[in-house]
N, C-alpha and C. Protein backbone atom coordinates (compact mmCIF):
# COMPACT_ATOMS: atom_id res chain seq x y z
N MET A 1 -12.48 -190.98 -117.77
CA MET A 1 -13.87 -190.78 -117.46
C MET A 1 -14.57 -192.14 -117.37
N ILE A 2 -15.59 -192.18 -116.54
CA ILE A 2 -16.39 -193.39 -116.36
C ILE A 2 -17.81 -193.12 -116.84
N THR A 3 -18.30 -194.01 -117.69
CA THR A 3 -19.67 -193.94 -118.16
C THR A 3 -20.32 -195.29 -117.91
N ASP A 4 -21.47 -195.27 -117.25
CA ASP A 4 -22.19 -196.52 -116.94
C ASP A 4 -21.28 -197.53 -116.24
N HIS A 5 -20.47 -197.06 -115.32
CA HIS A 5 -19.58 -197.91 -114.51
C HIS A 5 -18.50 -198.59 -115.35
N ARG A 6 -18.20 -197.98 -116.51
CA ARG A 6 -17.14 -198.49 -117.39
C ARG A 6 -16.12 -197.39 -117.64
N LEU A 7 -14.86 -197.78 -117.61
CA LEU A 7 -13.77 -196.84 -117.86
C LEU A 7 -13.68 -196.61 -119.37
N ASN A 8 -13.87 -195.38 -119.78
CA ASN A 8 -13.94 -195.07 -121.22
C ASN A 8 -12.68 -195.46 -121.97
N ILE A 9 -11.50 -195.35 -121.35
CA ILE A 9 -10.25 -195.62 -122.06
C ILE A 9 -9.87 -197.10 -122.09
N ALA A 10 -10.66 -197.94 -121.47
CA ALA A 10 -10.33 -199.36 -121.39
C ALA A 10 -10.96 -200.15 -122.53
N LYS A 11 -10.24 -201.17 -122.96
CA LYS A 11 -10.80 -202.15 -123.88
C LYS A 11 -11.79 -203.00 -123.08
N LYS A 12 -12.97 -203.22 -123.60
CA LYS A 12 -14.00 -204.00 -122.89
C LYS A 12 -13.91 -205.46 -123.31
N THR A 13 -13.66 -206.32 -122.34
CA THR A 13 -13.61 -207.77 -122.54
C THR A 13 -14.44 -208.40 -121.42
N PRO A 14 -15.75 -208.48 -121.61
CA PRO A 14 -16.64 -208.90 -120.51
C PRO A 14 -16.37 -210.31 -120.00
N SER A 15 -16.38 -210.42 -118.68
CA SER A 15 -16.26 -211.71 -117.99
C SER A 15 -17.62 -212.08 -117.41
N GLU A 16 -17.88 -213.36 -117.35
CA GLU A 16 -19.09 -213.86 -116.68
C GLU A 16 -18.84 -214.09 -115.20
N ASN A 17 -17.62 -213.88 -114.74
CA ASN A 17 -17.23 -214.19 -113.37
C ASN A 17 -17.44 -212.98 -112.46
N TYR A 18 -18.69 -212.70 -112.18
CA TYR A 18 -19.06 -211.61 -111.29
C TYR A 18 -20.49 -211.86 -110.81
N ASN A 19 -20.88 -211.09 -109.82
CA ASN A 19 -22.28 -211.09 -109.39
C ASN A 19 -22.59 -209.72 -108.80
N GLN A 20 -23.77 -209.58 -108.24
CA GLN A 20 -24.22 -208.29 -107.72
C GLN A 20 -23.54 -208.00 -106.38
N ARG A 21 -23.23 -206.74 -106.17
CA ARG A 21 -22.79 -206.31 -104.84
C ARG A 21 -24.00 -206.32 -103.91
N PRO A 22 -23.79 -206.47 -102.61
CA PRO A 22 -24.91 -206.35 -101.69
C PRO A 22 -25.57 -204.97 -101.81
N ASP A 23 -26.86 -204.90 -101.59
CA ASP A 23 -27.58 -203.63 -101.65
C ASP A 23 -26.93 -202.58 -100.75
N ASN A 24 -26.93 -201.35 -101.21
CA ASN A 24 -26.45 -200.18 -100.46
C ASN A 24 -24.98 -200.28 -100.06
N THR A 25 -24.18 -200.97 -100.86
CA THR A 25 -22.75 -201.10 -100.58
C THR A 25 -21.98 -200.04 -101.34
N GLU A 26 -21.20 -199.26 -100.62
CA GLU A 26 -20.34 -198.26 -101.26
C GLU A 26 -19.00 -198.90 -101.62
N ILE A 27 -18.44 -198.45 -102.72
CA ILE A 27 -17.12 -198.90 -103.16
C ILE A 27 -16.09 -198.00 -102.50
N THR A 28 -15.37 -198.54 -101.52
CA THR A 28 -14.44 -197.74 -100.73
C THR A 28 -12.98 -198.20 -100.82
N LEU A 29 -12.74 -199.33 -101.47
CA LEU A 29 -11.42 -199.94 -101.46
C LEU A 29 -11.01 -200.32 -102.88
N VAL A 30 -9.74 -200.09 -103.20
CA VAL A 30 -9.13 -200.61 -104.43
C VAL A 30 -8.08 -201.62 -104.00
N VAL A 31 -8.11 -202.79 -104.62
CA VAL A 31 -7.13 -203.84 -104.31
C VAL A 31 -6.23 -204.02 -105.53
N ILE A 32 -4.92 -203.92 -105.28
CA ILE A 32 -3.91 -204.08 -106.33
C ILE A 32 -3.39 -205.52 -106.29
N HIS A 33 -3.40 -206.15 -107.46
CA HIS A 33 -2.96 -207.53 -107.64
C HIS A 33 -1.88 -207.57 -108.71
N ASN A 34 -1.28 -208.75 -108.87
CA ASN A 34 -0.49 -209.01 -110.08
C ASN A 34 -0.83 -210.38 -110.61
N ILE A 35 -0.60 -210.54 -111.90
CA ILE A 35 -0.83 -211.83 -112.55
C ILE A 35 0.02 -211.90 -113.80
N SER A 36 0.49 -213.08 -114.10
CA SER A 36 1.12 -213.38 -115.39
C SER A 36 0.84 -214.85 -115.68
N LEU A 37 0.57 -215.12 -116.93
CA LEU A 37 0.26 -216.50 -117.34
C LEU A 37 1.00 -216.82 -118.63
N PRO A 38 1.72 -217.96 -118.60
CA PRO A 38 2.17 -218.68 -117.42
C PRO A 38 3.00 -217.76 -116.53
N PRO A 39 3.24 -218.16 -115.29
CA PRO A 39 3.98 -217.29 -114.37
C PRO A 39 5.29 -216.78 -114.96
N GLY A 40 5.45 -215.45 -114.91
CA GLY A 40 6.67 -214.82 -115.39
C GLY A 40 6.70 -214.53 -116.87
N GLU A 41 5.64 -214.88 -117.59
CA GLU A 41 5.58 -214.60 -119.03
C GLU A 41 4.57 -213.48 -119.28
N PHE A 42 4.95 -212.56 -120.14
CA PHE A 42 4.14 -211.38 -120.42
C PHE A 42 3.85 -211.27 -121.92
N GLY A 43 2.87 -210.41 -122.23
CA GLY A 43 2.63 -210.06 -123.62
C GLY A 43 1.82 -211.05 -124.42
N ASN A 44 0.98 -211.81 -123.77
CA ASN A 44 0.10 -212.73 -124.48
C ASN A 44 -1.35 -212.46 -124.06
N THR A 45 -2.27 -213.28 -124.50
CA THR A 45 -3.70 -213.07 -124.17
C THR A 45 -4.21 -214.05 -123.11
N TYR A 46 -3.31 -214.76 -122.46
CA TYR A 46 -3.75 -215.79 -121.52
C TYR A 46 -4.51 -215.24 -120.31
N ILE A 47 -4.17 -214.05 -119.84
CA ILE A 47 -4.89 -213.48 -118.70
C ILE A 47 -6.33 -213.19 -119.11
N GLU A 48 -6.50 -212.55 -120.27
CA GLU A 48 -7.85 -212.29 -120.76
C GLU A 48 -8.62 -213.59 -120.95
N ASP A 49 -7.95 -214.59 -121.51
CA ASP A 49 -8.60 -215.89 -121.69
C ASP A 49 -9.03 -216.49 -120.35
N PHE A 50 -8.17 -216.37 -119.36
CA PHE A 50 -8.46 -216.92 -118.03
C PHE A 50 -9.67 -216.23 -117.40
N PHE A 51 -9.69 -214.90 -117.43
CA PHE A 51 -10.78 -214.15 -116.81
C PHE A 51 -12.10 -214.28 -117.56
N THR A 52 -12.05 -214.74 -118.82
CA THR A 52 -13.29 -214.92 -119.59
C THR A 52 -13.61 -216.39 -119.83
N ASN A 53 -12.98 -217.26 -119.06
CA ASN A 53 -13.24 -218.71 -119.10
C ASN A 53 -12.94 -219.34 -120.45
N LYS A 54 -11.94 -218.79 -121.16
CA LYS A 54 -11.58 -219.31 -122.47
C LYS A 54 -10.15 -219.85 -122.50
N LEU A 55 -9.52 -219.97 -121.34
CA LEU A 55 -8.14 -220.44 -121.29
C LEU A 55 -8.10 -221.92 -121.68
N GLN A 56 -7.32 -222.25 -122.69
CA GLN A 56 -7.17 -223.63 -123.13
C GLN A 56 -6.09 -224.27 -122.27
N THR A 57 -6.52 -225.14 -121.37
CA THR A 57 -5.60 -225.69 -120.38
C THR A 57 -4.55 -226.62 -120.99
N ASN A 58 -4.71 -227.00 -122.23
CA ASN A 58 -3.70 -227.85 -122.88
C ASN A 58 -2.57 -227.04 -123.50
N LYS A 59 -2.62 -225.70 -123.42
CA LYS A 59 -1.59 -224.85 -124.01
C LYS A 59 -0.31 -224.79 -123.17
N HIS A 60 -0.40 -225.09 -121.88
CA HIS A 60 0.77 -225.03 -120.99
C HIS A 60 0.47 -225.91 -119.78
N THR A 61 1.49 -226.59 -119.28
CA THR A 61 1.26 -227.50 -118.14
C THR A 61 0.73 -226.74 -116.92
N TYR A 62 1.17 -225.50 -116.69
CA TYR A 62 0.70 -224.72 -115.54
C TYR A 62 -0.81 -224.49 -115.61
N PHE A 63 -1.33 -224.36 -116.80
CA PHE A 63 -2.75 -224.04 -116.96
C PHE A 63 -3.66 -225.15 -116.41
N LYS A 64 -3.15 -226.36 -116.29
CA LYS A 64 -3.95 -227.45 -115.71
C LYS A 64 -4.37 -227.12 -114.28
N THR A 65 -3.54 -226.34 -113.56
CA THR A 65 -3.86 -225.98 -112.18
C THR A 65 -5.01 -224.97 -112.13
N LEU A 66 -5.36 -224.38 -113.26
CA LEU A 66 -6.41 -223.36 -113.31
C LEU A 66 -7.72 -223.90 -113.88
N GLU A 67 -7.72 -225.17 -114.21
CA GLU A 67 -8.92 -225.78 -114.77
C GLU A 67 -10.09 -225.61 -113.81
N ASP A 68 -11.19 -225.14 -114.31
CA ASP A 68 -12.43 -224.92 -113.56
C ASP A 68 -12.35 -223.80 -112.52
N VAL A 69 -11.29 -223.01 -112.52
CA VAL A 69 -11.18 -221.85 -111.64
C VAL A 69 -11.91 -220.69 -112.30
N LYS A 70 -12.80 -220.04 -111.56
CA LYS A 70 -13.58 -218.92 -112.07
C LYS A 70 -13.23 -217.67 -111.27
N VAL A 71 -12.45 -216.78 -111.88
CA VAL A 71 -12.06 -215.54 -111.23
C VAL A 71 -12.14 -214.40 -112.25
N SER A 72 -12.06 -213.20 -111.73
CA SER A 72 -12.04 -212.01 -112.58
C SER A 72 -11.46 -210.86 -111.78
N ALA A 73 -11.30 -209.77 -112.45
CA ALA A 73 -10.95 -208.50 -111.82
C ALA A 73 -11.74 -207.45 -112.59
N HIS A 74 -11.81 -206.27 -112.04
CA HIS A 74 -12.45 -205.20 -112.79
C HIS A 74 -11.57 -204.78 -113.96
N LEU A 75 -10.26 -204.61 -113.66
CA LEU A 75 -9.33 -204.12 -114.67
C LEU A 75 -8.04 -204.92 -114.68
N LEU A 76 -7.41 -204.93 -115.84
CA LEU A 76 -6.05 -205.43 -116.03
C LEU A 76 -5.26 -204.30 -116.68
N ILE A 77 -4.09 -204.00 -116.11
CA ILE A 77 -3.18 -203.04 -116.73
C ILE A 77 -1.98 -203.83 -117.23
N LYS A 78 -1.85 -203.87 -118.56
CA LYS A 78 -0.79 -204.64 -119.19
C LYS A 78 0.55 -203.92 -119.09
N ARG A 79 1.60 -204.59 -119.49
CA ARG A 79 2.96 -204.05 -119.39
C ARG A 79 3.12 -202.75 -120.17
N ASP A 80 2.40 -202.60 -121.27
CA ASP A 80 2.50 -201.39 -122.08
C ASP A 80 1.58 -200.27 -121.59
N GLY A 81 0.88 -200.51 -120.47
CA GLY A 81 -0.01 -199.50 -119.91
C GLY A 81 -1.43 -199.57 -120.43
N SER A 82 -1.69 -200.41 -121.41
CA SER A 82 -3.06 -200.54 -121.91
C SER A 82 -3.93 -201.19 -120.84
N ILE A 83 -5.21 -200.85 -120.89
CA ILE A 83 -6.15 -201.26 -119.84
C ILE A 83 -7.27 -202.09 -120.45
N VAL A 84 -7.60 -203.18 -119.79
CA VAL A 84 -8.71 -204.04 -120.18
C VAL A 84 -9.69 -204.06 -119.02
N GLN A 85 -10.98 -203.87 -119.31
CA GLN A 85 -12.01 -203.96 -118.27
C GLN A 85 -12.83 -205.22 -118.50
N PHE A 86 -12.95 -206.02 -117.43
CA PHE A 86 -13.69 -207.28 -117.48
C PHE A 86 -15.06 -207.18 -116.82
N VAL A 87 -15.16 -206.37 -115.77
CA VAL A 87 -16.39 -206.29 -114.98
C VAL A 87 -16.70 -204.82 -114.72
N ASP A 88 -17.96 -204.44 -114.89
CA ASP A 88 -18.37 -203.07 -114.57
C ASP A 88 -18.13 -202.80 -113.09
N PHE A 89 -17.78 -201.57 -112.76
CA PHE A 89 -17.41 -201.23 -111.39
C PHE A 89 -18.55 -201.42 -110.39
N ASN A 90 -19.79 -201.30 -110.83
CA ASN A 90 -20.90 -201.47 -109.89
C ASN A 90 -21.18 -202.94 -109.60
N GLN A 91 -20.48 -203.84 -110.26
CA GLN A 91 -20.65 -205.27 -110.04
C GLN A 91 -19.53 -205.81 -109.14
N ARG A 92 -19.75 -206.97 -108.59
CA ARG A 92 -18.82 -207.62 -107.67
C ARG A 92 -17.94 -208.61 -108.43
N ALA A 93 -16.73 -208.17 -108.79
CA ALA A 93 -15.78 -209.06 -109.46
C ALA A 93 -15.22 -210.05 -108.44
N TRP A 94 -14.74 -211.18 -108.93
CA TRP A 94 -14.23 -212.24 -108.06
C TRP A 94 -12.70 -212.22 -108.05
N HIS A 95 -12.13 -211.26 -107.32
CA HIS A 95 -10.68 -211.07 -107.32
C HIS A 95 -10.03 -211.26 -105.96
N ALA A 96 -10.72 -211.00 -104.88
CA ALA A 96 -10.08 -210.97 -103.57
C ALA A 96 -10.12 -212.30 -102.83
N GLY A 97 -11.10 -213.14 -103.10
CA GLY A 97 -11.22 -214.40 -102.38
C GLY A 97 -11.45 -214.15 -100.90
N GLN A 98 -11.00 -215.10 -100.09
CA GLN A 98 -11.13 -214.94 -98.64
C GLN A 98 -10.29 -213.74 -98.23
N SER A 99 -10.96 -212.72 -97.68
CA SER A 99 -10.28 -211.45 -97.43
C SER A 99 -11.01 -210.65 -96.37
N SER A 100 -10.28 -209.67 -95.82
CA SER A 100 -10.86 -208.79 -94.81
C SER A 100 -10.04 -207.50 -94.76
N PHE A 101 -10.74 -206.37 -94.58
CA PHE A 101 -10.05 -205.10 -94.42
C PHE A 101 -10.80 -204.30 -93.36
N ASN A 102 -10.06 -203.76 -92.40
CA ASN A 102 -10.67 -203.02 -91.28
C ASN A 102 -11.79 -203.82 -90.61
N GLU A 103 -11.52 -205.11 -90.46
CA GLU A 103 -12.44 -206.03 -89.79
C GLU A 103 -13.75 -206.24 -90.54
N VAL A 104 -13.78 -205.90 -91.81
CA VAL A 104 -14.93 -206.16 -92.66
C VAL A 104 -14.52 -207.21 -93.68
N GLY A 105 -15.18 -208.35 -93.64
CA GLY A 105 -14.82 -209.46 -94.51
C GLY A 105 -15.33 -209.30 -95.93
N ASP A 106 -14.95 -210.24 -96.77
CA ASP A 106 -15.37 -210.35 -98.16
C ASP A 106 -15.19 -209.04 -98.92
N CYS A 107 -13.94 -208.69 -99.13
CA CYS A 107 -13.59 -207.42 -99.79
C CYS A 107 -14.18 -207.28 -101.18
N ASN A 108 -14.51 -208.40 -101.84
CA ASN A 108 -15.13 -208.30 -103.16
C ASN A 108 -16.40 -207.46 -103.12
N ASN A 109 -17.08 -207.46 -101.97
CA ASN A 109 -18.34 -206.73 -101.86
C ASN A 109 -18.18 -205.22 -102.04
N TYR A 110 -17.07 -204.67 -101.59
CA TYR A 110 -16.93 -203.21 -101.54
C TYR A 110 -15.64 -202.70 -102.17
N SER A 111 -15.02 -203.52 -103.02
CA SER A 111 -13.75 -203.11 -103.62
C SER A 111 -13.77 -203.21 -105.14
N ILE A 112 -12.80 -202.56 -105.72
CA ILE A 112 -12.50 -202.68 -107.15
C ILE A 112 -11.14 -203.36 -107.24
N GLY A 113 -11.05 -204.41 -108.03
CA GLY A 113 -9.81 -205.15 -108.20
C GLY A 113 -9.09 -204.76 -109.47
N ILE A 114 -7.82 -204.39 -109.32
CA ILE A 114 -6.98 -204.02 -110.46
C ILE A 114 -5.78 -204.96 -110.51
N GLU A 115 -5.68 -205.69 -111.60
CA GLU A 115 -4.55 -206.59 -111.83
C GLU A 115 -3.50 -205.87 -112.65
N LEU A 116 -2.25 -206.01 -112.25
CA LEU A 116 -1.13 -205.53 -113.05
C LEU A 116 -0.45 -206.75 -113.65
N GLU A 117 -0.17 -206.72 -114.95
CA GLU A 117 0.55 -207.81 -115.56
C GLU A 117 1.97 -207.78 -115.00
N GLY A 118 2.30 -208.78 -114.20
CA GLY A 118 3.60 -208.79 -113.56
C GLY A 118 3.72 -209.93 -112.57
N THR A 119 4.80 -209.87 -111.80
CA THR A 119 5.05 -210.85 -110.74
C THR A 119 5.51 -210.09 -109.50
N ASP A 120 5.53 -210.77 -108.39
CA ASP A 120 5.95 -210.15 -107.13
C ASP A 120 7.34 -209.54 -107.22
N ASN A 121 8.22 -210.17 -108.00
CA ASN A 121 9.63 -209.77 -107.99
C ASN A 121 10.14 -209.21 -109.31
N SER A 122 9.24 -208.91 -110.24
CA SER A 122 9.63 -208.27 -111.50
C SER A 122 9.23 -206.80 -111.44
N ALA A 123 10.14 -205.92 -111.79
CA ALA A 123 9.83 -204.50 -111.77
C ALA A 123 8.64 -204.21 -112.68
N TYR A 124 7.74 -203.38 -112.19
CA TYR A 124 6.60 -202.96 -113.01
C TYR A 124 7.07 -201.83 -113.93
N GLU A 125 6.39 -201.69 -115.05
CA GLU A 125 6.76 -200.70 -116.06
C GLU A 125 6.23 -199.32 -115.68
N THR A 126 6.97 -198.30 -116.09
CA THR A 126 6.54 -196.91 -115.88
C THR A 126 5.14 -196.69 -116.46
N SER A 127 4.89 -197.27 -117.63
CA SER A 127 3.58 -197.12 -118.27
C SER A 127 2.46 -197.70 -117.41
N GLN A 128 2.76 -198.74 -116.64
CA GLN A 128 1.75 -199.31 -115.76
C GLN A 128 1.43 -198.36 -114.61
N TYR A 129 2.46 -197.75 -114.03
CA TYR A 129 2.21 -196.79 -112.95
C TYR A 129 1.45 -195.58 -113.49
N THR A 130 1.79 -195.13 -114.69
CA THR A 130 1.08 -193.99 -115.29
C THR A 130 -0.40 -194.31 -115.46
N SER A 131 -0.69 -195.47 -116.04
CA SER A 131 -2.09 -195.87 -116.22
C SER A 131 -2.79 -196.09 -114.89
N LEU A 132 -2.11 -196.73 -113.95
CA LEU A 132 -2.71 -196.98 -112.64
C LEU A 132 -3.07 -195.66 -111.96
N ASN A 133 -2.17 -194.69 -111.98
CA ASN A 133 -2.47 -193.40 -111.36
C ASN A 133 -3.64 -192.70 -112.04
N GLN A 134 -3.71 -192.80 -113.35
CA GLN A 134 -4.84 -192.22 -114.08
C GLN A 134 -6.15 -192.90 -113.67
N VAL A 135 -6.12 -194.23 -113.59
CA VAL A 135 -7.31 -194.98 -113.19
C VAL A 135 -7.72 -194.62 -111.76
N LEU A 136 -6.76 -194.58 -110.85
CA LEU A 136 -7.07 -194.27 -109.45
C LEU A 136 -7.69 -192.88 -109.33
N SER A 137 -7.16 -191.92 -110.05
CA SER A 137 -7.72 -190.57 -110.02
C SER A 137 -9.17 -190.57 -110.52
N THR A 138 -9.41 -191.29 -111.59
CA THR A 138 -10.76 -191.38 -112.15
C THR A 138 -11.71 -192.09 -111.18
N LEU A 139 -11.25 -193.18 -110.61
CA LEU A 139 -12.10 -193.91 -109.65
C LEU A 139 -12.44 -193.05 -108.45
N ARG A 140 -11.45 -192.31 -107.93
CA ARG A 140 -11.70 -191.46 -106.77
C ARG A 140 -12.72 -190.36 -107.07
N SER A 141 -12.80 -189.94 -108.33
CA SER A 141 -13.75 -188.88 -108.68
C SER A 141 -15.17 -189.42 -108.86
N HIS A 142 -15.33 -190.74 -108.93
CA HIS A 142 -16.65 -191.34 -109.13
C HIS A 142 -17.17 -192.16 -107.96
N TYR A 143 -16.27 -192.63 -107.12
CA TYR A 143 -16.65 -193.51 -106.00
C TYR A 143 -15.98 -193.02 -104.72
N PRO A 144 -16.55 -193.34 -103.57
CA PRO A 144 -15.97 -192.87 -102.29
C PRO A 144 -14.79 -193.73 -101.82
N ILE A 145 -13.77 -193.85 -102.68
CA ILE A 145 -12.58 -194.65 -102.37
C ILE A 145 -11.85 -194.01 -101.19
N THR A 146 -11.59 -194.82 -100.16
CA THR A 146 -10.84 -194.34 -99.00
C THR A 146 -9.49 -195.02 -98.85
N ASP A 147 -9.32 -196.21 -99.48
CA ASP A 147 -8.10 -196.98 -99.28
C ASP A 147 -7.68 -197.71 -100.55
N ILE A 148 -6.37 -197.85 -100.70
CA ILE A 148 -5.77 -198.64 -101.78
C ILE A 148 -4.81 -199.60 -101.10
N LYS A 149 -5.05 -200.88 -101.28
CA LYS A 149 -4.26 -201.91 -100.58
C LYS A 149 -3.82 -202.99 -101.55
N GLY A 150 -2.77 -203.68 -101.19
CA GLY A 150 -2.33 -204.85 -101.93
C GLY A 150 -3.14 -206.06 -101.53
N HIS A 151 -3.21 -207.03 -102.43
CA HIS A 151 -3.90 -208.28 -102.12
C HIS A 151 -3.32 -208.92 -100.86
N ASN A 152 -2.00 -208.78 -100.70
CA ASN A 152 -1.32 -209.33 -99.53
C ASN A 152 -1.84 -208.73 -98.22
N GLU A 153 -2.33 -207.49 -98.27
CA GLU A 153 -2.79 -206.82 -97.05
C GLU A 153 -4.20 -207.23 -96.64
N ILE A 154 -4.99 -207.68 -97.60
CA ILE A 154 -6.37 -208.08 -97.27
C ILE A 154 -6.50 -209.60 -97.15
N SER A 155 -5.46 -210.32 -97.58
CA SER A 155 -5.41 -211.78 -97.47
C SER A 155 -4.04 -212.21 -96.97
N PRO A 156 -3.62 -211.70 -95.79
CA PRO A 156 -2.26 -212.00 -95.31
C PRO A 156 -2.06 -213.49 -95.08
N GLY A 157 -0.88 -213.96 -95.45
CA GLY A 157 -0.55 -215.37 -95.30
C GLY A 157 -1.07 -216.22 -96.44
N ARG A 158 -2.00 -215.70 -97.21
CA ARG A 158 -2.57 -216.43 -98.33
C ARG A 158 -2.09 -215.88 -99.66
N LYS A 159 -1.90 -214.57 -99.73
CA LYS A 159 -1.49 -213.92 -100.98
C LYS A 159 -0.28 -213.01 -100.73
N THR A 160 0.54 -212.83 -101.76
CA THR A 160 1.75 -212.01 -101.64
C THR A 160 1.76 -210.82 -102.60
N ASP A 161 0.84 -210.79 -103.53
CA ASP A 161 0.86 -209.73 -104.54
C ASP A 161 0.30 -208.41 -104.01
N PRO A 162 0.77 -207.30 -104.53
CA PRO A 162 1.56 -207.14 -105.75
C PRO A 162 3.06 -207.37 -105.56
N GLY A 163 3.49 -207.67 -104.35
CA GLY A 163 4.87 -208.09 -104.11
C GLY A 163 5.84 -206.96 -103.86
N PRO A 164 7.06 -207.31 -103.48
CA PRO A 164 8.07 -206.31 -103.15
C PRO A 164 8.52 -205.47 -104.33
N ALA A 165 8.29 -205.92 -105.56
CA ALA A 165 8.69 -205.12 -106.72
C ALA A 165 7.74 -203.95 -106.95
N PHE A 166 6.56 -203.97 -106.34
CA PHE A 166 5.63 -202.88 -106.53
C PHE A 166 6.07 -201.68 -105.69
N GLU A 167 6.21 -200.54 -106.34
CA GLU A 167 6.69 -199.33 -105.68
C GLU A 167 5.50 -198.45 -105.30
N TRP A 168 5.05 -198.59 -104.06
CA TRP A 168 3.91 -197.83 -103.56
C TRP A 168 4.15 -196.33 -103.66
N SER A 169 5.41 -195.93 -103.55
CA SER A 169 5.74 -194.51 -103.60
C SER A 169 5.43 -193.87 -104.95
N LYS A 170 5.22 -194.69 -105.98
CA LYS A 170 4.90 -194.15 -107.31
C LYS A 170 3.41 -193.85 -107.49
N LEU A 171 2.61 -194.19 -106.48
CA LEU A 171 1.18 -193.87 -106.58
C LEU A 171 0.96 -192.40 -106.17
N THR A 172 0.10 -191.75 -106.90
CA THR A 172 -0.19 -190.34 -106.59
C THR A 172 -1.61 -190.18 -106.09
């Protein structure tokens, strides 16, 4: 269930990396992403730290590449299926970057971004698909969602996630 544009079952970890959607914009798109920090490592708090501008860049050499980067997503689904919400759904999270879908640019304006803890080539967990399907069902009951796409589809040539390991056939 969604209350005040927040998913009731999600842990709330507010990010400052968002702004207002344009007036009269309907949420019609869900964008599926993946992330792991450092790349290929799971089960830590670095993603939450990154999306809330608390990532200590001296903790890993890779983190230096993320210094001063301000991004967010609406949701993160961890390997165990737990869900973290960073941005309320009625707000414009900064997840898609330069993007376009159906010849409409700036997908952040009209989409909800969902990050899966993972990599392009690591199998996603059953618990992640279970949570993702639950989230998608809930979102569809509250917003006029018409499409679910990978980041690679709205930013071709620039992004590859959720990658070949993501099994689209597992979405209901």
